[in-house]
Amino acid sequence: MEPHYRNSALENSKLEVGWVANRGIHLQNAYDVNQIPLASRLHAAQLAVTGGGTSSLRPYPFPSPIGQVTEWAHTGDSIYHSLQAMFSNKFQNNSMLQVAYTFSKNLGDTTFGYVGTGTSSQTIPTTGQSRPVDFDRRHVLSATLIYYLPGLTKSNALVRQVAGGWESNTIVNYASGMR
């Protein structure tokens, strides 16, 4: 026996739920290979307080303006998991409401923005150090409402053409910030 949904809210409604995952390997990384070694950083901080130069502590002792040496490599790794849900409902006059929500987590050891000399990491990455990437958004909500106004079919032609058949749209988006 088939369920009877005629003239009910469920007849014009749809709910979709899905799990999405993605893994990125060999992503572009950039990091500074001319950083002061970890064992010398306390000494560098003391020199900085007293006004001394720290360039001699770097592997490549260039003058201060050229202190950074950026190395590009394809060693980046990322993983993305998300639960996505979307509800849509058509109601009178073909008007429609749609709400979509995504709960996700995006981890990696690189950035997906422009990788250039200004985006190099201050630490040389080591394998297995995943952290939330710079565009990780845990919660994303989007809602759309399209409301068709009456067509005024019983009015005269001028009123139908000028005031009938308009639609009103609303879109609301929300995304949580980086964790």
C-alpha atoms as a PDB file:
ATOM      1  CA  MET A   1       0.000   0.000   0.000  1.00  0.00           C
ATOM      2  CA  GLU A   2       1.372   3.364  -1.009  1.00  0.00           C
ATOM      3  CA  PRO A   3       1.286   6.219   1.550  1.00  0.00           C
ATOM      4  CA  HIS A   4      -1.205   8.988   0.889  1.00  0.00           C
ATOM      5  CA  TYR A   5       0.501  12.401   0.849  1.00  0.00           C
ATOM      6  CA  ARG A   6      -1.901  14.357  -1.355  1.00  0.00           C
ATOM      7  CA  ASN A   7      -2.181  18.018  -0.412  1.00  0.00           C
ATOM      8  CA  SER A   8       0.301  17.633   2.424  1.00  0.00           C
ATOM      9  CA  ALA A   9       3.545  19.464   3.117  1.00  0.00           C
ATOM     10  CA  LEU A  10       5.557  16.274   2.466  1.00  0.00           C
ATOM     11  CA  GLU A  11       4.370  15.947  -1.115  1.00  0.00           C
ATOM     12  CA  ASN A  12       6.481  18.925  -2.236  1.00  0.00           C
ATOM     13  CA  SER A  13       9.377  18.503   0.194  1.00  0.00           C
ATOM     14  CA  LYS A  14      12.765  16.899  -0.220  1.00  0.00           C
ATOM     15  CA  LEU A  15      15.544  16.129   2.268  1.00  0.00           C
ATOM     16  CA  GLU A  16      18.997  15.132   1.065  1.00  0.00           C
ATOM     17  CA  VAL A  17      21.809  14.037   3.397  1.00  0.00           C
ATOM     18  CA  GLY A  18      25.310  13.077   2.343  1.00  0.00           C
ATOM     19  CA  TRP A  19      28.838  12.518   3.576  1.00  0.00           C
ATOM     20  CA  VAL A  20      31.654  14.076   1.549  1.00  0.00           C
ATOM     21  CA  ALA A  21      35.368  13.438   2.024  1.00  0.00           C
ATOM     22  CA  ASN A  22      38.447  14.510   0.096  1.00  0.00           C
ATOM     23  CA  ARG A  23      42.180  13.974   0.493  1.00  0.00           C
ATOM     24  CA  GLY A  24      44.833  16.196  -1.024  1.00  0.00           C
ATOM     25  CA  ILE A  25      48.410  15.023  -1.485  1.00  0.00           C
ATOM     26  CA  HIS A  26      51.500  16.634  -3.001  1.00  0.00           C
ATOM     27  CA  LEU A  27      50.067  20.120  -2.352  1.00  0.00           C
ATOM     28  CA  GLN A  28      52.330  23.129  -2.715  1.00  0.00           C
ATOM     29  CA  ASN A  29      54.105  24.301   0.428  1.00  0.00           C
ATOM     30  CA  ALA A  30      56.472  27.192   1.030  1.00  0.00           C
ATOM     31  CA  TYR A  31      58.655  27.613   4.080  1.00  0.00           C
ATOM     32  CA  ASP A  32      61.624  29.658   5.226  1.00  0.00           C
ATOM     33  CA  VAL A  33      64.823  27.564   5.198  1.00  0.00           C
ATOM     34  CA  ASN A  34      66.849  30.468   6.595  1.00  0.00           C
ATOM     35  CA  GLN A  35      65.198  30.540   9.999  1.00  0.00           C
ATOM     36  CA  ILE A  36      67.182  30.588  13.197  1.00  0.00           C
ATOM     37  CA  PRO A  37      67.617  27.012  14.488  1.00  0.00           C
ATOM     38  CA  LEU A  38      65.493  26.077  17.491  1.00  0.00           C
ATOM     39  CA  ALA A  39      68.562  25.637  19.721  1.00  0.00           C
ATOM     40  CA  SER A  40      69.661  29.246  19.029  1.00  0.00           C
ATOM     41  CA  ARG A  41      66.300  31.033  19.398  1.00  0.00           C
ATOM     42  CA  LEU A  42      66.749  31.981  23.061  1.00  0.00           C
ATOM     43  CA  HIS A  43      70.107  33.548  22.219  1.00  0.00           C
ATOM     44  CA  ALA A  44      68.496  35.360  19.254  1.00  0.00           C
ATOM     45  CA  ALA A  45      65.774  36.753  21.525  1.00  0.00           C
ATOM     46  CA  GLN A  46      68.416  38.033  23.936  1.00  0.00           C
ATOM     47  CA  LEU A  47      70.318  39.653  21.070  1.00  0.00           C
ATOM     48  CA  ALA A  48      67.137  41.270  19.778  1.00  0.00           C
ATOM     49  CA  VAL A  49      66.439  42.810  23.216  1.00  0.00           C
ATOM     50  CA  THR A  50      69.961  44.225  23.491  1.00  0.00           C
ATOM     51  CA  GLY A  51      69.928  45.504  19.921  1.00  0.00           C
ATOM     52  CA  GLY A  52      72.358  42.941  18.544  1.00  0.00           C
ATOM     53  CA  GLY A  53      72.063  41.402  15.098  1.00  0.00           C
ATOM     54  CA  THR A  54      70.723  37.890  14.664  1.00  0.00           C
ATOM     55  CA  SER A  55      71.720  37.290  11.033  1.00  0.00           C
ATOM     56  CA  SER A  56      74.872  35.409  12.092  1.00  0.00           C
ATOM     57  CA  LEU A  57      72.649  32.765  13.758  1.00  0.00           C
ATOM     58  CA  ARG A  58      70.887  31.920  10.488  1.00  0.00           C
ATOM     59  CA  PRO A  59      72.102  29.129   8.171  1.00  0.00           C
ATOM     60  CA  TYR A  60      72.565  31.726   5.398  1.00  0.00           C
ATOM     61  CA  PRO A  61      73.759  34.923   7.163  1.00  0.00           C
ATOM     62  CA  PHE A  62      72.381  37.471   4.709  1.00  0.00           C
ATOM     63  CA  PRO A  63      71.771  41.074   5.724  1.00  0.00           C
ATOM     64  CA  SER A  64      68.446  41.724   7.460  1.00  0.00           C
ATOM     65  CA  PRO A  65      66.250  42.715   4.460  1.00  0.00           C
ATOM     66  CA  ILE A  66      67.115  39.464   2.642  1.00  0.00           C
ATOM     67  CA  GLY A  67      66.939  37.230   5.721  1.00  0.00           C
ATOM     68  CA  GLN A  68      64.201  34.932   4.430  1.00  0.00           C
ATOM     69  CA  VAL A  69      64.963  32.174   1.931  1.00  0.00           C
ATOM     70  CA  THR A  70      61.777  30.585   0.662  1.00  0.00           C
ATOM     71  CA  GLU A  71      61.756  27.006  -0.533  1.00  0.00           C
ATOM     72  CA  TRP A  72      58.811  25.643  -2.453  1.00  0.00           C
ATOM     73  CA  ALA A  73      57.966  21.972  -2.305  1.00  0.00           C
ATOM     74  CA  HIS A  74      55.032  19.692  -3.070  1.00  0.00           C
ATOM     75  CA  THR A  75      54.925  18.112   0.366  1.00  0.00           C
ATOM     76  CA  GLY A  76      51.539  19.390   1.523  1.00  0.00           C
ATOM     77  CA  ASP A  77      48.789  17.076   2.719  1.00  0.00           C
ATOM     78  CA  SER A  78      45.127  17.708   3.580  1.00  0.00           C
ATOM     79  CA  ILE A  79      41.969  15.831   4.513  1.00  0.00           C
ATOM     80  CA  TYR A  80      38.350  17.065   4.453  1.00  0.00           C
ATOM     81  CA  HIS A  81      35.235  15.447   5.909  1.00  0.00           C
ATOM     82  CA  SER A  82      31.729  16.887   5.953  1.00  0.00           C
ATOM     83  CA  LEU A  83      28.137  16.006   6.685  1.00  0.00           C
ATOM     84  CA  GLN A  84      25.879  17.904   4.283  1.00  0.00           C
ATOM     85  CA  ALA A  85      22.112  18.248   4.463  1.00  0.00           C
ATOM     86  CA  MET A  86      19.659  20.116   2.239  1.00  0.00           C
ATOM     87  CA  PHE A  87      15.916  20.592   2.691  1.00  0.00           C
ATOM     88  CA  SER A  88      13.717  22.093  -0.016  1.00  0.00           C
ATOM     89  CA  ASN A  89       9.995  22.711  -0.140  1.00  0.00           C
ATOM     90  CA  LYS A  90       7.765  24.069  -2.893  1.00  0.00           C
ATOM     91  CA  PHE A  91       4.548  25.686  -1.794  1.00  0.00           C
ATOM     92  CA  GLN A  92       1.761  27.761  -3.310  1.00  0.00           C
ATOM     93  CA  ASN A  93       2.358  29.541  -6.644  1.00  0.00           C
ATOM     94  CA  ASN A  94       5.633  27.595  -7.164  1.00  0.00           C
ATOM     95  CA  SER A  95       7.295  29.546  -4.376  1.00  0.00           C
ATOM     96  CA  MET A  96      10.220  27.715  -2.812  1.00  0.00           C
ATOM     97  CA  LEU A  97      12.257  27.482   0.394  1.00  0.00           C
ATOM     98  CA  GLN A  98      15.654  25.798   0.435  1.00  0.00           C
ATOM     99  CA  VAL A  99      17.957  25.397   3.450  1.00  0.00           C
ATOM    100  CA  ALA A 100      21.394  23.768   3.280  1.00  0.00           C
ATOM    101  CA  TYR A 101      23.754  23.042   6.182  1.00  0.00           C
ATOM    102  CA  THR A 102      27.286  21.639   6.211  1.00  0.00           C
ATOM    103  CA  PHE A 103      29.251  20.499   9.250  1.00  0.00           C
ATOM    104  CA  SER A 104      32.872  19.915   8.244  1.00  0.00           C
ATOM    105  CA  LYS A 105      36.465  19.637   9.336  1.00  0.00           C
ATOM    106  CA  ASN A 106      39.427  20.424   7.088  1.00  0.00           C
ATOM    107  CA  LEU A 107      42.920  19.540   8.299  1.00  0.00           C
ATOM    108  CA  GLY A 108      46.238  19.998   6.554  1.00  0.00           C
ATOM    109  CA  ASP A 109      49.805  21.160   6.799  1.00  0.00           C
ATOM    110  CA  THR A 110      49.708  23.808   4.079  1.00  0.00           C
ATOM    111  CA  THR A 111      47.691  26.795   2.914  1.00  0.00           C
ATOM    112  CA  PHE A 112      45.444  26.763  -0.134  1.00  0.00           C
ATOM    113  CA  GLY A 113      45.819  30.477  -0.679  1.00  0.00           C
ATOM    114  CA  TYR A 114      48.454  31.999  -2.928  1.00  0.00           C
ATOM    115  CA  VAL A 115      51.791  30.437  -2.004  1.00  0.00           C
ATOM    116  CA  GLY A 116      54.499  33.041  -2.427  1.00  0.00           C
ATOM    117  CA  THR A 117      57.386  34.518  -0.483  1.00  0.00           C
ATOM    118  CA  GLY A 118      55.010  36.265   1.920  1.00  0.00           C
ATOM    119  CA  THR A 119      53.057  33.106   2.751  1.00  0.00           C
ATOM    120  CA  SER A 120      55.955  30.906   3.767  1.00  0.00           C
ATOM    121  CA  SER A 121      55.643  29.042   7.026  1.00  0.00           C
ATOM    122  CA  GLN A 122      57.935  30.029   9.855  1.00  0.00           C
ATOM    123  CA  THR A 123      58.594  26.411  10.690  1.00  0.00           C
ATOM    124  CA  ILE A 124      59.716  23.648   8.417  1.00  0.00           C
ATOM    125  CA  PRO A 125      56.792  21.205   8.250  1.00  0.00           C
ATOM    126  CA  THR A 126      57.185  17.680   9.462  1.00  0.00           C
ATOM    127  CA  THR A 127      55.075  14.787   8.270  1.00  0.00           C
ATOM    128  CA  GLY A 128      51.910  14.165  10.255  1.00  0.00           C
ATOM    129  CA  GLN A 129      51.453  17.646  11.736  1.00  0.00           C
ATOM    130  CA  SER A 130      47.912  18.394  10.626  1.00  0.00           C
ATOM    131  CA  ARG A 131      46.010  21.420  11.893  1.00  0.00           C
ATOM    132  CA  PRO A 132      42.898  23.267  10.744  1.00  0.00           C
ATOM    133  CA  VAL A 133      43.773  24.959   7.460  1.00  0.00           C
ATOM    134  CA  ASP A 134      43.312  28.681   6.909  1.00  0.00           C
ATOM    135  CA  PHE A 135      39.910  28.305   5.263  1.00  0.00           C
ATOM    136  CA  ASP A 136      38.383  25.686   7.579  1.00  0.00           C
ATOM    137  CA  ARG A 137      34.716  26.529   8.157  1.00  0.00           C
ATOM    138  CA  ARG A 138      33.026  24.115  10.572  1.00  0.00           C
ATOM    139  CA  HIS A 139      29.476  25.362  10.099  1.00  0.00           C
ATOM    140  CA  VAL A 140      28.041  26.656   6.814  1.00  0.00           C
ATOM    141  CA  LEU A 141      24.343  27.508   6.534  1.00  0.00           C
ATOM    142  CA  SER A 142      22.607  28.844   3.450  1.00  0.00           C
ATOM    143  CA  ALA A 143      18.890  29.584   3.115  1.00  0.00           C
ATOM    144  CA  THR A 144      16.979  30.782   0.068  1.00  0.00           C
ATOM    145  CA  LEU A 145      13.360  31.855  -0.194  1.00  0.00           C
ATOM    146  CA  ILE A 146      11.722  32.623  -3.541  1.00  0.00           C
ATOM    147  CA  TYR A 147       8.184  33.950  -3.249  1.00  0.00           C
ATOM    148  CA  TYR A 148       6.118  34.515  -6.373  1.00  0.00           C
ATOM    149  CA  LEU A 149       3.566  37.271  -5.949  1.00  0.00           C
ATOM    150  CA  PRO A 150       0.098  36.745  -7.434  1.00  0.00           C
ATOM    151  CA  GLY A 151      -0.177  37.195 -11.211  1.00  0.00           C
ATOM    152  CA  LEU A 152      -3.384  39.261 -10.889  1.00  0.00           C
ATOM    153  CA  THR A 153      -4.960  37.216 -13.686  1.00  0.00           C
ATOM    154  CA  LYS A 154      -8.438  38.626 -13.016  1.00  0.00           C
ATOM    155  CA  SER A 155      -7.260  42.247 -13.392  1.00  0.00           C
ATOM    156  CA  ASN A 156      -7.131  44.260 -16.616  1.00  0.00           C
ATOM    157  CA  ALA A 157      -4.105  43.931 -18.943  1.00  0.00           C
ATOM    158  CA  LEU A 158      -2.335  47.092 -17.724  1.00  0.00           C
ATOM    159  CA  VAL A 159      -2.473  46.042 -14.050  1.00  0.00           C
ATOM    160  CA  ARG A 160      -1.356  42.475 -14.932  1.00  0.00           C
ATOM    161  CA  GLN A 161       1.624  43.770 -16.928  1.00  0.00           C
ATOM    162  CA  VAL A 162       2.769  46.359 -14.353  1.00  0.00           C
ATOM    163  CA  ALA A 163       1.976  44.807 -10.969  1.00  0.00           C
ATOM    164  CA  GLY A 164       1.401  41.108 -11.600  1.00  0.00           C
ATOM    165  CA  GLY A 165       3.842  38.213 -11.551  1.00  0.00           C
ATOM    166  CA  TRP A 166       6.633  39.754  -9.511  1.00  0.00           C
ATOM    167  CA  GLU A 167       8.856  37.631  -7.301  1.00  0.00           C
ATOM    168  CA  SER A 168      10.723  38.352  -4.090  1.00  0.00           C
ATOM    169  CA  ASN A 169      14.011  36.591  -3.260  1.00  0.00           C
ATOM    170  CA  THR A 170      15.970  36.339  -0.047  1.00  0.00           C
ATOM    171  CA  ILE A 171      19.326  34.640   0.463  1.00  0.00           C
ATOM    172  CA  VAL A 172      20.978  34.240   3.851  1.00  0.00           C
ATOM    173  CA  ASN A 173      24.482  32.790   4.254  1.00  0.00           C
ATOM    174  CA  TYR A 174      26.408  32.068   7.429  1.00  0.00           C
ATOM    175  CA  ALA A 175      29.825  30.473   7.855  1.00  0.00           C
ATOM    176  CA  SER A 176      31.698  30.088  11.115  1.00  0.00           C
ATOM    177  CA  GLY A 177      35.279  31.291  11.276  1.00  0.00           C
ATOM    178  CA  MET A 178      38.489  29.378  11.374  1.00  0.00           C
ATOM    179  CA  ARG A 179      39.038  27.239  14.457  1.00  0.00           C
END
